[in-house]
N, C-alpha and C. Protein backbone atom coordinates (compact mmCIF):
# COMPACT_ATOMS: atom_id res chain seq x y z
N MET A 1 21.72 -41.95 -94.27
CA MET A 1 20.96 -43.18 -94.33
C MET A 1 21.44 -44.18 -93.29
N PHE A 2 22.77 -44.32 -93.16
CA PHE A 2 23.30 -45.27 -92.19
C PHE A 2 23.02 -44.82 -90.76
N GLU A 3 22.99 -43.52 -90.54
CA GLU A 3 22.68 -43.01 -89.20
C GLU A 3 21.26 -43.40 -88.81
N TYR A 4 20.35 -43.30 -89.77
CA TYR A 4 18.96 -43.68 -89.51
C TYR A 4 18.86 -45.17 -89.20
N LEU A 5 19.56 -46.00 -89.96
CA LEU A 5 19.55 -47.45 -89.71
C LEU A 5 20.18 -47.78 -88.36
N ASP A 6 21.26 -47.09 -88.01
CA ASP A 6 21.89 -47.30 -86.70
C ASP A 6 20.94 -46.94 -85.56
N ALA A 7 20.27 -45.80 -85.71
CA ALA A 7 19.33 -45.37 -84.67
C ALA A 7 18.17 -46.36 -84.55
N MET A 8 17.66 -46.84 -85.68
CA MET A 8 16.57 -47.81 -85.66
C MET A 8 17.03 -49.12 -85.01
N TYR A 9 18.24 -49.56 -85.33
CA TYR A 9 18.78 -50.78 -84.73
C TYR A 9 18.94 -50.63 -83.23
N LEU A 10 19.45 -49.47 -82.79
CA LEU A 10 19.64 -49.24 -81.36
C LEU A 10 18.30 -49.19 -80.62
N ARG A 11 17.28 -48.58 -81.23
CA ARG A 11 15.95 -48.58 -80.61
C ARG A 11 15.40 -49.99 -80.50
N PHE A 12 15.62 -50.80 -81.54
CA PHE A 12 15.16 -52.19 -81.52
C PHE A 12 15.85 -52.98 -80.42
N VAL A 13 17.17 -52.84 -80.30
CA VAL A 13 17.93 -53.57 -79.29
C VAL A 13 17.52 -53.12 -77.89
N ALA A 14 17.34 -51.80 -77.70
CA ALA A 14 16.93 -51.29 -76.39
C ALA A 14 15.54 -51.81 -76.03
N GLY A 15 14.63 -51.82 -77.00
CA GLY A 15 13.29 -52.35 -76.75
C GLY A 15 13.32 -53.84 -76.42
N LEU A 16 14.16 -54.58 -77.14
CA LEU A 16 14.29 -56.01 -76.89
C LEU A 16 14.87 -56.28 -75.51
N MET A 17 15.85 -55.48 -75.11
CA MET A 17 16.44 -55.64 -73.77
C MET A 17 15.41 -55.31 -72.69
N GLY A 18 14.60 -54.28 -72.93
CA GLY A 18 13.55 -53.92 -71.99
C GLY A 18 12.52 -55.03 -71.87
N LEU A 19 12.14 -55.62 -72.98
CA LEU A 19 11.18 -56.72 -72.98
C LEU A 19 11.75 -57.92 -72.24
N THR A 20 13.02 -58.23 -72.47
CA THR A 20 13.66 -59.34 -71.79
C THR A 20 13.69 -59.11 -70.29
N GLN A 21 14.01 -57.90 -69.87
CA GLN A 21 14.05 -57.57 -68.44
C GLN A 21 12.65 -57.69 -67.82
N GLU A 22 11.65 -57.23 -68.56
CA GLU A 22 10.27 -57.31 -68.06
C GLU A 22 9.83 -58.76 -67.88
N LEU A 23 10.19 -59.62 -68.83
CA LEU A 23 9.82 -61.03 -68.72
C LEU A 23 10.53 -61.69 -67.53
N LYS A 24 11.78 -61.31 -67.28
CA LYS A 24 12.50 -61.87 -66.14
C LYS A 24 11.85 -61.47 -64.82
N GLU A 25 11.40 -60.23 -64.73
CA GLU A 25 10.77 -59.76 -63.51
C GLU A 25 9.42 -60.41 -63.28
N GLU A 26 8.70 -60.74 -64.33
CA GLU A 26 7.38 -61.35 -64.21
C GLU A 26 7.46 -62.81 -63.77
N GLU A 27 8.60 -63.45 -63.93
CA GLU A 27 8.71 -64.86 -63.56
C GLU A 27 8.52 -65.06 -62.06
N LYS A 28 8.87 -64.08 -61.25
CA LYS A 28 8.68 -64.20 -59.81
C LYS A 28 7.21 -64.36 -59.47
N GLY A 29 6.36 -63.61 -60.13
CA GLY A 29 4.92 -63.72 -59.91
C GLY A 29 4.37 -65.06 -60.36
N VAL A 30 4.91 -65.59 -61.43
CA VAL A 30 4.47 -66.88 -61.95
C VAL A 30 4.81 -67.99 -60.97
N ALA A 31 5.99 -67.94 -60.38
CA ALA A 31 6.39 -68.97 -59.42
C ALA A 31 5.48 -68.96 -58.20
N THR A 32 5.11 -67.79 -57.74
CA THR A 32 4.20 -67.68 -56.60
C THR A 32 2.84 -68.24 -56.96
N PHE A 33 2.37 -67.93 -58.16
CA PHE A 33 1.07 -68.43 -58.61
C PHE A 33 1.08 -69.95 -58.71
N VAL A 34 2.13 -70.52 -59.27
CA VAL A 34 2.24 -71.98 -59.40
C VAL A 34 2.29 -72.64 -58.03
N ALA A 35 3.03 -72.06 -57.09
CA ALA A 35 3.11 -72.62 -55.74
C ALA A 35 1.74 -72.59 -55.07
N THR A 36 1.00 -71.51 -55.26
CA THR A 36 -0.34 -71.41 -54.67
C THR A 36 -1.28 -72.46 -55.25
N VAL A 37 -1.23 -72.65 -56.55
CA VAL A 37 -2.08 -73.65 -57.19
C VAL A 37 -1.72 -75.05 -56.69
N LEU A 38 -0.45 -75.33 -56.53
CA LEU A 38 -0.04 -76.65 -56.03
C LEU A 38 -0.50 -76.87 -54.60
N LEU A 39 -0.42 -75.85 -53.76
CA LEU A 39 -0.90 -75.98 -52.38
C LEU A 39 -2.40 -76.23 -52.33
N ILE A 40 -3.15 -75.52 -53.14
CA ILE A 40 -4.60 -75.74 -53.18
C ILE A 40 -4.91 -77.15 -53.67
N LEU A 41 -4.19 -77.61 -54.67
CA LEU A 41 -4.38 -78.96 -55.18
C LEU A 41 -4.10 -80.01 -54.10
N MET A 42 -3.04 -79.80 -53.32
CA MET A 42 -2.71 -80.74 -52.25
C MET A 42 -3.81 -80.77 -51.19
N VAL A 43 -4.35 -79.62 -50.82
CA VAL A 43 -5.42 -79.57 -49.82
C VAL A 43 -6.65 -80.30 -50.33
N VAL A 44 -7.01 -80.09 -51.58
CA VAL A 44 -8.18 -80.76 -52.15
C VAL A 44 -7.97 -82.27 -52.20
N MET A 45 -6.77 -82.70 -52.56
CA MET A 45 -6.50 -84.14 -52.61
C MET A 45 -6.56 -84.77 -51.22
N LEU A 46 -6.01 -84.09 -50.22
CA LEU A 46 -6.08 -84.61 -48.85
C LEU A 46 -7.51 -84.66 -48.34
N ALA A 47 -8.30 -83.65 -48.68
CA ALA A 47 -9.71 -83.66 -48.28
C ALA A 47 -10.45 -84.82 -48.93
N ALA A 48 -10.13 -85.12 -50.19
CA ALA A 48 -10.77 -86.24 -50.86
C ALA A 48 -10.37 -87.58 -50.23
N LEU A 49 -9.10 -87.69 -49.81
CA LEU A 49 -8.64 -88.94 -49.20
C LEU A 49 -9.30 -89.20 -47.85
N PHE A 50 -9.47 -88.15 -47.07
CA PHE A 50 -9.99 -88.31 -45.71
C PHE A 50 -11.43 -87.83 -45.58
N TRP A 51 -12.21 -87.90 -46.65
CA TRP A 51 -13.55 -87.35 -46.65
C TRP A 51 -14.46 -88.02 -45.62
N ASP A 52 -14.36 -89.32 -45.41
CA ASP A 52 -15.21 -90.02 -44.45
C ASP A 52 -15.02 -89.46 -43.05
N GLN A 53 -13.78 -89.32 -42.62
CA GLN A 53 -13.51 -88.79 -41.29
C GLN A 53 -13.88 -87.32 -41.19
N ILE A 54 -13.61 -86.56 -42.24
CA ILE A 54 -13.91 -85.12 -42.21
C ILE A 54 -15.41 -84.88 -42.18
N SER A 55 -16.16 -85.63 -42.96
CA SER A 55 -17.61 -85.41 -43.00
C SER A 55 -18.25 -85.73 -41.66
N ASP A 56 -17.79 -86.78 -40.97
CA ASP A 56 -18.32 -87.08 -39.63
C ASP A 56 -18.01 -85.95 -38.65
N TRP A 57 -16.79 -85.43 -38.72
CA TRP A 57 -16.41 -84.33 -37.83
C TRP A 57 -17.25 -83.10 -38.11
N PHE A 58 -17.46 -82.76 -39.39
CA PHE A 58 -18.29 -81.60 -39.74
C PHE A 58 -19.72 -81.78 -39.26
N THR A 59 -20.25 -82.97 -39.42
CA THR A 59 -21.63 -83.22 -38.99
C THR A 59 -21.75 -83.02 -37.49
N ASN A 60 -20.82 -83.57 -36.72
CA ASN A 60 -20.85 -83.40 -35.27
C ASN A 60 -20.70 -81.94 -34.86
N MET A 61 -19.80 -81.22 -35.50
CA MET A 61 -19.58 -79.81 -35.16
C MET A 61 -20.81 -78.97 -35.52
N LEU A 62 -21.42 -79.21 -36.66
CA LEU A 62 -22.60 -78.43 -37.04
C LEU A 62 -23.78 -78.74 -36.14
N ASP A 63 -23.90 -79.99 -35.68
CA ASP A 63 -24.95 -80.32 -34.71
C ASP A 63 -24.75 -79.53 -33.42
N LYS A 64 -23.51 -79.42 -32.98
CA LYS A 64 -23.23 -78.64 -31.77
C LYS A 64 -23.47 -77.15 -31.99
N ILE A 65 -23.08 -76.63 -33.13
CA ILE A 65 -23.21 -75.20 -33.41
C ILE A 65 -24.68 -74.80 -33.52
N PHE A 66 -25.47 -75.56 -34.24
CA PHE A 66 -26.87 -75.19 -34.45
C PHE A 66 -27.77 -75.68 -33.34
N GLY A 67 -27.23 -76.30 -32.32
CA GLY A 67 -27.99 -76.66 -31.14
C GLY A 67 -28.96 -77.81 -31.32
N ILE A 68 -28.59 -78.78 -32.10
CA ILE A 68 -29.44 -79.94 -32.24
C ILE A 68 -29.18 -80.82 -31.02
N SER A 69 -30.03 -80.59 -30.01
CA SER A 69 -29.87 -81.33 -28.74
C SER A 69 -31.22 -81.41 -28.07
N ASP A 70 -31.22 -81.89 -26.83
CA ASP A 70 -32.48 -82.08 -26.07
C ASP A 70 -32.99 -80.79 -25.48
N GLY A 71 -32.17 -79.81 -25.34
CA GLY A 71 -32.63 -78.55 -24.75
C GLY A 71 -31.45 -77.67 -24.42
N ILE A 72 -31.67 -76.70 -23.52
CA ILE A 72 -30.60 -75.77 -23.15
C ILE A 72 -29.53 -76.53 -22.39
N GLY A 73 -28.28 -76.34 -22.83
CA GLY A 73 -27.16 -77.00 -22.16
C GLY A 73 -27.06 -78.46 -22.51
N GLY A 74 -27.83 -78.92 -23.45
CA GLY A 74 -27.98 -80.22 -23.96
C GLY A 74 -27.05 -81.26 -23.82
């Protein structure tokens, strides 16, 4: 009976150690994900701050790209 309990305890401890190791390894992926989300958030905030200047630049560039001008070589 005690051998069975010892074996069950050892399986439990081994499983718990494996789970702990797995969680430690997964933290690296979480840090990368959090850093990516923060970078995207910063880009969106900067775009919101400078939207007036950015929208004028986009308008001018799209006019040049789509050829809104007087003619060829406009």
